[in-house]
């Protein structure tokens, strides 16, 4: 079970990074649409 933990945390890291990118992309597209 312990050997799976680093991969799990790595997955969380990548997931949160992609989530940030998605939010940035969303706000950018909304900004462009409003302009």
N, C-alpha and C. Protein backbone atom coordinates (compact mmCIF):
# COMPACT_ATOMS: atom_id res chain seq x y z
N UNK A 1 0.83 -1.21 0.00
CA UNK A 1 0.00 0.00 0.00
C UNK A 1 0.87 1.27 0.00
N UNK A 2 1.99 1.21 0.72
CA UNK A 2 2.85 2.39 0.83
C UNK A 2 3.46 2.81 -0.49
N UNK A 3 3.78 1.83 -1.34
CA UNK A 3 4.44 2.17 -2.61
C UNK A 3 3.51 2.92 -3.55
N UNK A 4 2.22 2.87 -3.29
CA UNK A 4 1.27 3.57 -4.16
C UNK A 4 1.14 5.06 -3.80
N UNK A 5 1.55 5.40 -2.59
CA UNK A 5 1.34 6.78 -2.11
C UNK A 5 2.03 7.86 -2.95
N UNK A 6 3.31 7.69 -3.33
CA UNK A 6 3.95 8.73 -4.14
C UNK A 6 3.21 8.97 -5.45
N UNK A 7 2.74 7.89 -6.07
CA UNK A 7 2.02 8.03 -7.33
C UNK A 7 0.70 8.76 -7.12
N UNK A 8 0.07 8.49 -5.99
CA UNK A 8 -1.19 9.14 -5.66
C UNK A 8 -0.99 10.63 -5.50
N UNK A 9 0.05 11.01 -4.75
CA UNK A 9 0.32 12.43 -4.52
C UNK A 9 0.74 13.11 -5.82
N UNK A 10 1.48 12.38 -6.66
CA UNK A 10 1.90 12.92 -7.95
C UNK A 10 0.66 13.20 -8.80
N UNK A 11 -0.29 12.28 -8.74
CA UNK A 11 -1.53 12.45 -9.50
C UNK A 11 -2.31 13.67 -9.02
N UNK A 12 -2.34 13.87 -7.71
CA UNK A 12 -3.02 15.04 -7.15
C UNK A 12 -2.35 16.32 -7.61
N UNK A 13 -1.02 16.29 -7.66
CA UNK A 13 -0.25 17.45 -8.08
C UNK A 13 -0.60 17.83 -9.52
N UNK A 14 -0.57 16.84 -10.39
CA UNK A 14 -0.89 17.07 -11.80
C UNK A 14 -2.33 17.53 -11.96
N UNK A 15 -3.24 16.92 -11.18
CA UNK A 15 -4.66 17.26 -11.25
C UNK A 15 -4.90 18.71 -10.87
N UNK A 16 -4.27 19.14 -9.77
CA UNK A 16 -4.46 20.53 -9.32
C UNK A 16 -3.84 21.51 -10.31
N UNK A 17 -2.73 21.10 -10.93
CA UNK A 17 -2.07 21.95 -11.93
C UNK A 17 -2.97 22.13 -13.15
N UNK A 18 -3.58 21.03 -13.61
CA UNK A 18 -4.48 21.10 -14.76
C UNK A 18 -5.72 21.91 -14.42
N UNK A 19 -6.17 21.81 -13.17
CA UNK A 19 -7.35 22.56 -12.73
C UNK A 19 -7.06 24.05 -12.77
N UNK A 20 -5.84 24.44 -12.34
CA UNK A 20 -5.44 25.85 -12.37
C UNK A 20 -5.40 26.36 -13.80
N UNK A 21 -4.87 25.54 -14.71
CA UNK A 21 -4.78 25.93 -16.11
C UNK A 21 -6.18 26.11 -16.69
N UNK A 22 -7.09 25.22 -16.32
CA UNK A 22 -8.46 25.28 -16.81
C UNK A 22 -9.14 26.56 -16.34
N UNK A 23 -8.95 26.91 -15.08
CA UNK A 23 -9.54 28.12 -14.52
C UNK A 23 -8.96 29.36 -15.20
N UNK A 24 -7.65 29.35 -15.44
CA UNK A 24 -6.99 30.46 -16.12
C UNK A 24 -7.55 30.61 -17.53
N UNK A 25 -7.71 29.48 -18.22
CA UNK A 25 -8.22 29.49 -19.59
C UNK A 25 -9.65 30.02 -19.61
N UNK A 26 -10.45 29.60 -18.63
CA UNK A 26 -11.84 30.04 -18.53
C UNK A 26 -11.92 31.55 -18.34
N UNK A 27 -11.15 32.08 -17.40
CA UNK A 27 -11.18 33.52 -17.13
C UNK A 27 -10.66 34.31 -18.32
N UNK A 28 -9.68 33.76 -19.03
CA UNK A 28 -9.13 34.45 -20.20
C UNK A 28 -10.16 34.50 -21.33
N UNK A 29 -10.86 33.40 -21.56
CA UNK A 29 -11.86 33.37 -22.63
C UNK A 29 -13.04 34.29 -22.30
N UNK A 30 -13.42 34.35 -21.03
CA UNK A 30 -14.51 35.24 -20.61
C UNK A 30 -14.07 36.69 -20.81
N UNK A 31 -12.83 36.98 -20.48
CA UNK A 31 -12.28 38.32 -20.63
C UNK A 31 -12.26 38.73 -22.11
N UNK A 32 -11.87 37.80 -22.96
CA UNK A 32 -11.82 38.07 -24.40
C UNK A 32 -13.22 38.26 -24.97
N UNK A 33 -14.16 37.48 -24.48
CA UNK A 33 -15.53 37.57 -24.98
C UNK A 33 -16.17 38.90 -24.57
N UNK A 34 -15.81 39.38 -23.38
CA UNK A 34 -16.38 40.63 -22.88
C UNK A 34 -15.79 41.85 -23.59
N UNK A 35 -14.55 41.72 -24.04
CA UNK A 35 -13.85 42.85 -24.65
C UNK A 35 -14.33 43.17 -26.06
